Amino acid sequence: MNTNKIKNLARNATKSKDGRTVLSNFGYLTLLQFASYLFPIITVPYLSRVIGVEGYGKIAFASAVMVWVQTVADWGFLLTATRDVAKCRDNKAEVSRIFSETFFARCLLAIVSFIFLCLLILIVPDFKENAEILFVTFLMIPGYIMFPDWFFQAIERMRYTTITNLLVKTIFTVAVFIFIKEKGDYIIVPLLASLGTVAAGIIAMYLILKKWDYSLHRVSFHSVILAIKRSTDVFINNLFPNLYNSLSVVLLGIYDGSVANGIYSEGNKFVNIGQSVLGVVTRVFFPFLSRRIDKHRIYVVVYMGATFCIAVILFVSAPWLIDWLYTDEFADAIPVLRIMSISLVFVAMSTAYGTNYLIVQGHERILRKITMWCSLAGFAIAYPLIIHYSYIGVAVTVTFSRMCLGISSWLAVMKLKKNHLENK
């Protein structure tokens, strides 16, 4: 594509309402992601010295458990509710109905998750040992439900998400330096994060219910259950990757301790940041593609190109990044970062062809089957790899599973497109 074509594409995008909305949301989410890098750069060197690798390991263990809780509380609504609201965003009554059903369904699921977490703490020794930090970290879930990020995404008003998050992150960063002074203060980290999430949730509910005049009205228990059933395929699709992802971190903590968890967590941190960057493109395009699937090819080109660049940068700069931000005890995180950077390419494939095509097009069941089989394959290799290779085993498990998921999603979409052309 030559320079004139690029200029024409940019000019046409700014002229159309959809183009301006996409570009505006992209700008605000890019700013938010930039802040997501800036704030950790400020706090990570300080925290790594004060709370140490063991403290990081305990936080990583609790965070990995909360991934399961959060996945249950989400139950696929982050995609299905976003898609449904995006399609009827000009109908305030219908949007309010979807918002109400989704909110109360997530509350019900969070309560069930909390009960199950309490049972695990009573039964499993490692959970009982970390009960305090698990309960503190769980406080993020109510705030997470109150802050319906999916709703802002669906009505394509990401400016408010950005402003609220920037405010909360700034307060959190300042609080880290004020309240965390010694190794035992590691539990304050998730406490501050939880309080920040709840504060953001209160602000979000004010905007939705007061400023924009949407309603949160009483819904029947039957309608809540139906809403959960409609999102079950997407929930399964979101849940099963935890078999090879967060469960691997939990197994690593059980069999190799908090230090190994800390090394893997910090090696993977930069990849998570990379995923957050790519998530900007995904989140901007998802509601748009729900209305204009004909633009999917443009999205894939932009998304995969950006992913490849980020993956190469992380792989090459791994030694410098770890040495710059961490103490010498984190040196073993370098190979973890390099292995995980490769997985980014496959994450992008599964997102581009799975989330932003199969789900957008209503093929949740196809993606569910793909995710189940790929996750089970990852789960099968997780235990022996972790036992023999510790944190390196976790990195290999996650990368292999993501490779299977990405390639399988791409093949499924190619098959659907081929069948569509043959049936014309």
Protein backbone atom coordinates (compact mmCIF):
# COMPACT_ATOMS: atom_id res chain seq x y z
CA MET A 1 0.00 0.00 0.00
CA ASN A 2 1.61 3.32 -1.12
CA THR A 3 1.58 6.64 0.74
CA ASN A 4 -1.35 8.09 -1.21
CA LYS A 5 -3.52 5.07 -0.43
CA ILE A 6 -2.68 5.33 3.27
CA LYS A 7 -3.58 9.03 3.24
CA ASN A 8 -6.86 8.33 1.46
CA LEU A 9 -7.73 5.57 3.95
CA ALA A 10 -7.03 7.89 6.88
CA ARG A 11 -9.02 10.73 5.27
CA ASN A 12 -12.02 8.48 4.63
CA ALA A 13 -11.90 7.16 8.20
CA THR A 14 -12.05 10.65 9.69
CA LYS A 15 -14.97 11.64 7.45
CA SER A 16 -17.31 8.80 8.46
CA LYS A 17 -19.04 8.65 11.84
CA ASP A 18 -17.92 5.05 12.39
CA GLY A 19 -14.36 5.97 11.48
CA ARG A 20 -14.25 8.89 13.89
CA THR A 21 -15.71 6.74 16.68
CA VAL A 22 -13.16 3.97 16.12
CA LEU A 23 -10.26 6.44 16.00
CA SER A 24 -11.49 8.27 19.10
CA ASN A 25 -11.87 5.06 21.10
CA PHE A 26 -8.49 3.88 19.86
CA GLY A 27 -6.90 7.12 21.04
CA TYR A 28 -8.41 6.94 24.51
CA LEU A 29 -7.60 3.26 24.97
CA THR A 30 -4.05 3.85 23.71
CA LEU A 31 -3.67 6.55 26.35
CA LEU A 32 -5.00 4.13 28.97
CA GLN A 33 -2.55 1.43 27.92
CA PHE A 34 0.32 3.91 27.93
CA ALA A 35 -0.61 4.69 31.51
CA SER A 36 -0.68 0.95 32.21
CA TYR A 37 3.01 0.81 31.25
CA LEU A 38 3.98 4.03 32.96
CA PHE A 39 2.56 3.26 36.39
CA PRO A 40 4.19 -0.21 36.71
CA ILE A 41 7.51 1.26 35.57
CA ILE A 42 7.22 3.65 38.49
CA THR A 43 6.14 1.09 41.11
CA VAL A 44 7.76 -2.23 40.05
CA PRO A 45 11.40 -1.36 40.89
CA TYR A 46 10.31 -0.09 44.31
CA LEU A 47 8.06 -3.07 45.05
CA SER A 48 10.64 -5.61 43.86
CA ARG A 49 13.10 -4.24 46.42
CA VAL A 50 10.62 -3.85 49.28
CA ILE A 51 8.43 -6.97 49.12
CA GLY A 52 10.89 -9.22 47.23
CA VAL A 53 10.32 -12.20 44.98
CA GLU A 54 8.42 -14.19 47.65
CA GLY A 55 5.94 -11.37 48.16
CA TYR A 56 5.42 -11.18 44.42
CA GLY A 57 4.89 -14.93 44.38
CA LYS A 58 2.08 -14.73 46.96
CA ILE A 59 0.41 -11.94 45.02
CA ALA A 60 0.74 -14.00 41.81
CA PHE A 61 -0.83 -17.03 43.52
CA ALA A 62 -3.83 -15.02 44.74
CA SER A 63 -4.17 -13.31 41.35
CA ALA A 64 -4.15 -16.68 39.56
CA VAL A 65 -6.97 -17.93 41.82
CA MET A 66 -8.94 -14.72 41.21
CA VAL A 67 -8.69 -15.29 37.46
CA TRP A 68 -10.96 -18.29 37.97
CA VAL A 69 -13.35 -16.30 40.16
CA GLN A 70 -13.42 -13.42 37.70
CA THR A 71 -14.00 -15.79 34.77
CA VAL A 72 -17.03 -17.24 36.54
CA ALA A 73 -18.34 -13.76 37.40
CA ASP A 74 -17.91 -12.69 33.76
CA TRP A 75 -19.53 -15.85 32.35
CA GLY A 76 -18.92 -14.65 28.80
CA PHE A 77 -20.89 -11.41 29.25
CA LEU A 78 -17.86 -9.31 28.37
CA LEU A 79 -18.38 -10.50 24.80
CA THR A 80 -22.04 -11.48 24.49
CA ALA A 81 -23.43 -8.46 26.35
CA THR A 82 -21.06 -6.14 24.49
CA ARG A 83 -22.17 -7.60 21.16
CA ASP A 84 -25.87 -7.43 22.05
CA VAL A 85 -25.75 -3.84 23.33
CA ALA A 86 -23.66 -2.72 20.34
CA LYS A 87 -26.38 -3.98 18.00
CA CYS A 88 -29.18 -2.02 19.75
CA ARG A 89 -27.29 0.84 21.39
CA ASP A 90 -29.85 3.45 20.17
CA ASN A 91 -32.70 1.66 22.00
CA LYS A 92 -32.28 2.84 25.61
CA ALA A 93 -34.98 0.55 27.03
CA GLU A 94 -33.45 -2.55 25.44
CA VAL A 95 -29.96 -1.53 26.50
CA SER A 96 -31.18 -1.05 30.10
CA ARG A 97 -32.74 -4.51 30.05
CA ILE A 98 -29.50 -6.14 28.89
CA PHE A 99 -27.49 -4.11 31.41
CA SER A 100 -29.79 -5.09 34.32
CA GLU A 101 -29.86 -8.79 33.47
CA THR A 102 -26.08 -8.84 33.04
CA PHE A 103 -25.41 -6.95 36.28
CA PHE A 104 -27.56 -9.21 38.48
CA ALA A 105 -26.34 -12.36 36.73
CA ARG A 106 -22.74 -11.39 37.49
CA CYS A 107 -23.65 -10.63 41.13
CA LEU A 108 -25.20 -14.09 41.50
CA LEU A 109 -22.18 -15.75 39.92
CA ALA A 110 -19.80 -13.78 42.19
CA ILE A 111 -21.66 -14.97 45.30
CA VAL A 112 -21.43 -18.59 44.14
CA SER A 113 -17.71 -18.12 43.43
CA PHE A 114 -17.09 -16.68 46.90
CA ILE A 115 -18.80 -19.64 48.56
CA PHE A 116 -16.65 -22.03 46.54
CA LEU A 117 -13.51 -20.05 47.44
CA CYS A 118 -14.37 -20.35 51.14
CA LEU A 119 -14.71 -24.11 50.77
CA LEU A 120 -11.28 -24.32 49.10
CA ILE A 121 -9.72 -22.32 51.92
CA LEU A 122 -11.22 -24.73 54.45
CA ILE A 123 -10.13 -27.86 52.57
CA VAL A 124 -6.86 -27.13 50.70
CA PRO A 125 -3.79 -26.37 52.90
CA ASP A 126 -2.14 -24.00 50.39
CA PHE A 127 -5.34 -22.00 50.12
CA LYS A 128 -5.70 -21.91 53.90
CA GLU A 129 -2.13 -20.69 54.25
CA ASN A 130 -2.85 -17.81 51.85
CA ALA A 131 -6.42 -17.15 53.07
CA GLU A 132 -5.77 -13.55 54.07
CA ILE A 133 -4.40 -12.42 50.71
CA LEU A 134 -7.07 -14.43 48.86
CA PHE A 135 -9.89 -12.66 50.72
CA VAL A 136 -8.29 -9.26 50.18
CA THR A 137 -7.79 -9.92 46.48
CA PHE A 138 -11.40 -11.10 46.15
CA LEU A 139 -12.53 -7.56 47.03
CA MET A 140 -11.64 -6.65 43.46
CA ILE A 141 -14.55 -8.72 42.14
CA PRO A 142 -17.41 -6.51 43.47
CA GLY A 143 -15.63 -3.45 42.10
CA TYR A 144 -15.05 -5.23 38.83
CA ILE A 145 -18.79 -5.95 38.54
CA MET A 146 -19.71 -2.35 39.44
CA PHE A 147 -17.35 -1.08 36.75
CA PRO A 148 -18.95 -2.59 33.60
CA ASP A 149 -16.08 -2.01 31.20
CA TRP A 150 -18.01 -4.03 28.63
CA PHE A 151 -20.85 -1.47 28.71
CA PHE A 152 -18.59 1.47 27.90
CA GLN A 153 -17.09 -0.61 25.12
CA ALA A 154 -20.52 -1.54 23.71
CA ILE A 155 -21.81 2.04 23.55
CA GLU A 156 -18.34 3.10 22.32
CA ARG A 157 -17.66 5.69 25.02
CA MET A 158 -14.19 4.62 26.07
CA ARG A 159 -13.25 8.16 27.05
CA TYR A 160 -14.94 7.65 30.42
CA THR A 161 -13.17 4.34 31.02
CA THR A 162 -9.84 6.01 30.34
CA ILE A 163 -10.42 9.02 32.58
CA THR A 164 -11.70 6.90 35.49
CA ASN A 165 -8.86 4.40 35.26
CA LEU A 166 -6.21 7.11 35.03
CA LEU A 167 -7.56 8.71 38.20
CA VAL A 168 -7.60 5.39 40.08
CA LYS A 169 -4.13 4.35 38.85
CA THR A 170 -2.64 7.67 39.90
CA ILE A 171 -4.04 7.35 43.43
CA PHE A 172 -2.88 3.69 43.61
CA THR A 173 0.67 4.60 42.56
CA VAL A 174 0.97 7.33 45.17
CA ALA A 175 -0.49 5.02 47.83
CA VAL A 176 2.11 2.32 47.09
CA PHE A 177 4.95 4.63 48.13
CA ILE A 178 3.05 5.86 51.18
CA PHE A 179 1.84 2.57 52.68
CA ILE A 180 4.29 -0.16 51.56
CA LYS A 181 7.49 0.00 53.57
CA GLU A 182 8.59 -3.61 54.32
CA LYS A 183 8.26 -7.20 53.06
CA GLY A 184 5.22 -7.97 55.17
CA ASP A 185 3.32 -5.16 53.43
CA TYR A 186 2.86 -7.24 50.27
CA ILE A 187 -0.79 -7.78 51.22
CA ILE A 188 -1.39 -4.03 50.94
CA VAL A 189 -0.79 -4.23 47.17
CA PRO A 190 -3.99 -6.17 46.34
CA LEU A 191 -5.86 -4.21 49.04
CA LEU A 192 -5.03 -0.91 47.34
CA ALA A 193 -5.92 -2.39 43.95
CA SER A 194 -9.26 -3.66 45.30
CA LEU A 195 -10.17 -0.31 46.85
CA GLY A 196 -9.29 1.41 43.60
CA THR A 197 -11.51 -0.97 41.62
CA VAL A 198 -14.46 -0.35 43.96
CA ALA A 199 -13.97 3.43 43.67
CA ALA A 200 -13.92 3.16 39.87
CA GLY A 201 -17.10 1.07 40.03
CA ILE A 202 -18.93 3.73 42.02
CA ILE A 203 -17.96 6.37 39.46
CA ALA A 204 -19.05 4.13 36.57
CA MET A 205 -22.46 3.43 38.08
CA TYR A 206 -23.02 7.16 38.58
CA LEU A 207 -22.26 7.84 34.90
CA ILE A 208 -24.51 5.06 33.62
CA LEU A 209 -27.49 5.57 35.91
CA LYS A 210 -27.42 9.31 36.55
CA LYS A 211 -25.54 11.05 33.76
CA TRP A 212 -26.77 8.91 30.84
CA ASP A 213 -30.11 7.93 32.39
CA TYR A 214 -29.96 4.20 31.77
CA SER A 215 -31.84 2.16 34.36
CA LEU A 216 -30.89 -0.72 36.62
CA HIS A 217 -34.26 -2.26 37.30
CA ARG A 218 -35.45 -5.41 39.04
CA VAL A 219 -35.37 -8.51 36.86
CA SER A 220 -36.80 -11.94 37.52
CA PHE A 221 -34.61 -14.80 38.67
CA HIS A 222 -35.75 -16.69 35.58
CA SER A 223 -34.47 -13.98 33.22
CA VAL A 224 -31.13 -13.94 35.06
CA ILE A 225 -30.78 -17.71 34.59
CA LEU A 226 -31.70 -17.39 30.90
CA ALA A 227 -29.04 -14.68 30.46
CA ILE A 228 -26.47 -17.00 32.03
CA LYS A 229 -27.52 -19.86 29.75
CA ARG A 230 -27.20 -17.68 26.64
CA SER A 231 -23.58 -16.87 27.54
CA THR A 232 -22.58 -20.38 28.58
CA ASP A 233 -20.75 -21.24 25.35
CA VAL A 234 -18.59 -18.12 25.63
CA PHE A 235 -18.06 -18.81 29.34
CA ILE A 236 -16.73 -22.27 28.57
CA ASN A 237 -14.52 -20.71 25.94
CA ASN A 238 -13.14 -18.28 28.56
CA LEU A 239 -12.91 -20.84 31.37
CA PHE A 240 -10.99 -23.64 29.70
CA PRO A 241 -7.80 -21.64 28.96
CA ASN A 242 -7.40 -21.39 32.73
CA LEU A 243 -6.62 -25.13 32.70
CA TYR A 244 -3.25 -24.38 31.15
CA ASN A 245 -2.83 -20.74 32.17
CA SER A 246 -3.73 -19.74 35.73
CA LEU A 247 -3.94 -23.36 36.93
CA SER A 248 -0.33 -23.82 35.86
CA VAL A 249 0.63 -20.89 38.07
CA VAL A 250 -1.29 -22.42 40.98
CA LEU A 251 0.47 -25.79 40.43
CA LEU A 252 3.82 -24.03 40.21
CA GLY A 253 3.20 -22.34 43.56
CA ILE A 254 2.18 -25.63 45.17
CA TYR A 255 5.10 -27.71 43.86
CA ASP A 256 7.91 -25.18 43.58
CA GLY A 257 7.01 -22.36 45.97
CA SER A 258 6.49 -18.62 45.87
CA VAL A 259 9.95 -17.83 44.46
CA ALA A 260 9.29 -19.80 41.27
CA ASN A 261 5.88 -18.14 40.99
CA GLY A 262 7.49 -14.73 41.36
CA ILE A 263 10.02 -15.44 38.58
CA TYR A 264 7.34 -16.65 36.17
CA SER A 265 4.97 -13.82 37.08
CA GLU A 266 7.51 -11.08 36.45
CA GLY A 267 8.83 -12.72 33.26
CA ASN A 268 5.27 -12.88 31.97
CA LYS A 269 4.43 -9.34 33.07
CA PHE A 270 5.82 -7.76 29.92
CA VAL A 271 3.86 -10.18 27.75
CA ASN A 272 0.72 -9.28 29.67
CA ILE A 273 1.48 -5.64 28.95
CA GLY A 274 1.90 -6.55 25.27
CA GLN A 275 -1.48 -8.28 25.33
CA SER A 276 -2.98 -5.18 26.88
CA VAL A 277 -1.62 -3.09 24.01
CA LEU A 278 -3.11 -5.47 21.48
CA GLY A 279 -6.31 -5.53 23.49
CA VAL A 280 -6.78 -1.86 22.58
CA VAL A 281 -7.20 -2.82 18.93
CA THR A 282 -9.44 -5.76 19.80
CA ARG A 283 -11.72 -3.79 22.12
CA VAL A 284 -12.07 -0.91 19.67
CA PHE A 285 -12.98 -3.18 16.78
CA PHE A 286 -15.23 -5.68 18.60
CA PRO A 287 -18.40 -3.52 18.82
CA PHE A 288 -17.61 -2.10 15.39
CA LEU A 289 -17.26 -5.57 13.84
CA SER A 290 -20.53 -6.58 15.50
CA ARG A 291 -22.10 -4.10 13.08
CA ARG A 292 -19.59 -4.25 10.19
CA ILE A 293 -18.07 -7.72 9.83
CA ASP A 294 -17.10 -6.80 6.26
CA LYS A 295 -14.19 -4.82 7.77
CA HIS A 296 -12.69 -7.90 9.45
CA ARG A 297 -9.82 -8.20 6.97
CA ILE A 298 -8.60 -4.66 7.75
CA TYR A 299 -8.69 -5.45 11.46
CA VAL A 300 -6.66 -8.65 10.96
CA VAL A 301 -3.94 -6.84 9.01
CA VAL A 302 -3.60 -4.11 11.64
CA TYR A 303 -3.79 -6.49 14.59
CA MET A 304 -1.41 -9.20 13.37
CA GLY A 305 1.12 -6.64 12.14
CA ALA A 306 1.19 -4.89 15.52
CA THR A 307 1.46 -8.22 17.32
CA PHE A 308 4.48 -9.40 15.36
CA CYS A 309 6.33 -6.14 16.04
CA ILE A 310 5.66 -6.31 19.79
CA ALA A 311 6.66 -9.99 19.99
CA VAL A 312 10.00 -9.34 18.26
CA ILE A 313 10.75 -6.34 20.48
CA LEU A 314 10.06 -8.32 23.68
CA PHE A 315 12.13 -11.32 22.56
CA VAL A 316 15.17 -9.24 21.62
CA SER A 317 15.07 -6.85 24.58
CA ALA A 318 14.30 -9.46 27.29
CA PRO A 319 17.72 -9.30 29.07
CA TRP A 320 17.69 -5.51 29.13
CA LEU A 321 14.09 -5.25 30.40
CA ILE A 322 14.62 -7.69 33.29
CA ASP A 323 17.95 -6.14 34.26
CA TRP A 324 16.53 -2.62 34.11
CA LEU A 325 13.44 -3.11 36.25
CA TYR A 326 14.37 -5.91 38.65
CA THR A 327 17.05 -7.03 41.06
CA ASP A 328 19.47 -9.89 40.33
CA GLU A 329 17.17 -12.47 41.94
CA PHE A 330 14.81 -12.05 38.94
CA ALA A 331 17.47 -12.88 36.31
CA ASP A 332 15.91 -16.30 35.59
CA ALA A 333 12.81 -14.50 34.27
CA ILE A 334 14.65 -13.74 30.98
CA PRO A 335 13.97 -17.13 29.28
CA VAL A 336 10.38 -16.98 30.57
CA LEU A 337 9.90 -13.63 28.84
CA ARG A 338 11.40 -14.90 25.58
CA ILE A 339 9.24 -18.03 25.47
CA MET A 340 6.09 -16.11 26.36
CA SER A 341 6.77 -13.43 23.74
CA ILE A 342 6.34 -16.12 21.06
CA SER A 343 2.91 -16.94 22.46
CA LEU A 344 1.73 -13.41 21.66
CA VAL A 345 1.47 -14.24 17.95
CA PHE A 346 -0.86 -17.16 18.68
CA VAL A 347 -2.92 -15.12 21.15
CA ALA A 348 -3.47 -12.63 18.35
CA MET A 349 -4.58 -15.38 15.97
CA SER A 350 -7.10 -16.78 18.44
CA THR A 351 -8.44 -13.29 19.16
CA ALA A 352 -8.64 -12.16 15.54
CA TYR A 353 -10.30 -15.32 14.25
CA GLY A 354 -11.96 -16.62 17.42
CA THR A 355 -13.26 -13.72 19.49
CA ASN A 356 -13.57 -11.14 16.73
CA TYR A 357 -14.99 -13.40 14.05
CA LEU A 358 -16.53 -16.61 15.39
CA ILE A 359 -18.21 -14.92 18.37
CA VAL A 360 -19.17 -11.81 16.41
CA GLN A 361 -20.79 -14.07 13.81
CA GLY A 362 -22.60 -16.15 16.44
CA HIS A 363 -20.42 -19.28 16.11
CA GLU A 364 -19.69 -19.57 19.84
CA ARG A 365 -20.12 -23.33 19.82
CA ILE A 366 -17.40 -23.84 17.22
CA LEU A 367 -14.98 -21.75 19.27
CA ARG A 368 -16.05 -23.52 22.46
CA LYS A 369 -15.10 -26.92 21.03
CA ILE A 370 -11.75 -25.62 19.77
CA THR A 371 -10.94 -24.04 23.12
CA MET A 372 -11.94 -27.12 25.11
CA TRP A 373 -9.70 -29.49 23.14
CA CYS A 374 -6.72 -27.12 23.03
CA SER A 375 -7.01 -26.38 26.76
CA LEU A 376 -7.24 -30.07 27.63
CA ALA A 377 -4.08 -30.66 25.58
CA GLY A 378 -2.33 -27.93 27.58
CA PHE A 379 -3.63 -29.34 30.85
CA ALA A 380 -2.29 -32.80 29.92
CA ILE A 381 1.28 -31.54 29.50
CA ALA A 382 1.22 -28.97 32.34
CA TYR A 383 1.90 -31.28 35.29
CA PRO A 384 4.97 -33.15 33.92
CA LEU A 385 6.50 -29.97 32.49
CA ILE A 386 6.06 -28.06 35.76
CA ILE A 387 7.45 -30.92 37.85
CA HIS A 388 10.57 -31.23 35.68
CA TYR A 389 11.14 -27.68 34.43
CA SER A 390 9.43 -25.41 36.99
CA TYR A 391 8.62 -21.92 35.63
CA ILE A 392 10.06 -22.80 32.20
CA GLY A 393 7.54 -25.64 32.07
CA VAL A 394 4.71 -23.19 32.70
CA ALA A 395 5.94 -20.92 29.89
CA VAL A 396 6.18 -23.83 27.44
CA THR A 397 2.72 -25.15 28.46
CA VAL A 398 1.04 -21.79 27.91
CA THR A 399 2.81 -21.14 24.58
CA PHE A 400 1.98 -24.60 23.20
CA SER A 401 -1.69 -24.28 24.20
CA ARG A 402 -1.98 -20.83 22.66
CA MET A 403 -0.40 -22.12 19.46
CA CYS A 404 -3.01 -24.88 19.18
CA LEU A 405 -5.84 -22.42 19.88
CA GLY A 406 -4.64 -19.77 17.43
CA ILE A 407 -4.03 -22.12 14.51
CA SER A 408 -7.28 -24.03 15.11
CA SER A 409 -9.33 -20.80 15.21
CA TRP A 410 -7.78 -19.64 11.94
CA LEU A 411 -8.50 -22.98 10.25
CA ALA A 412 -12.12 -22.89 11.47
CA VAL A 413 -12.69 -19.43 9.99
CA MET A 414 -11.09 -20.41 6.69
CA LYS A 415 -13.43 -23.42 6.52
CA LEU A 416 -16.50 -21.27 7.25
CA LYS A 417 -15.54 -18.76 4.58
CA LYS A 418 -14.91 -21.52 2.06
CA ASN A 419 -18.32 -23.10 2.77
CA HIS A 420 -19.97 -19.69 2.48
CA LEU A 421 -18.43 -19.13 -0.97
CA GLU A 422 -19.40 -22.62 -2.15
CA ASN A 423 -23.02 -22.10 -1.03
CA LYS A 424 -23.41 -18.79 -2.89
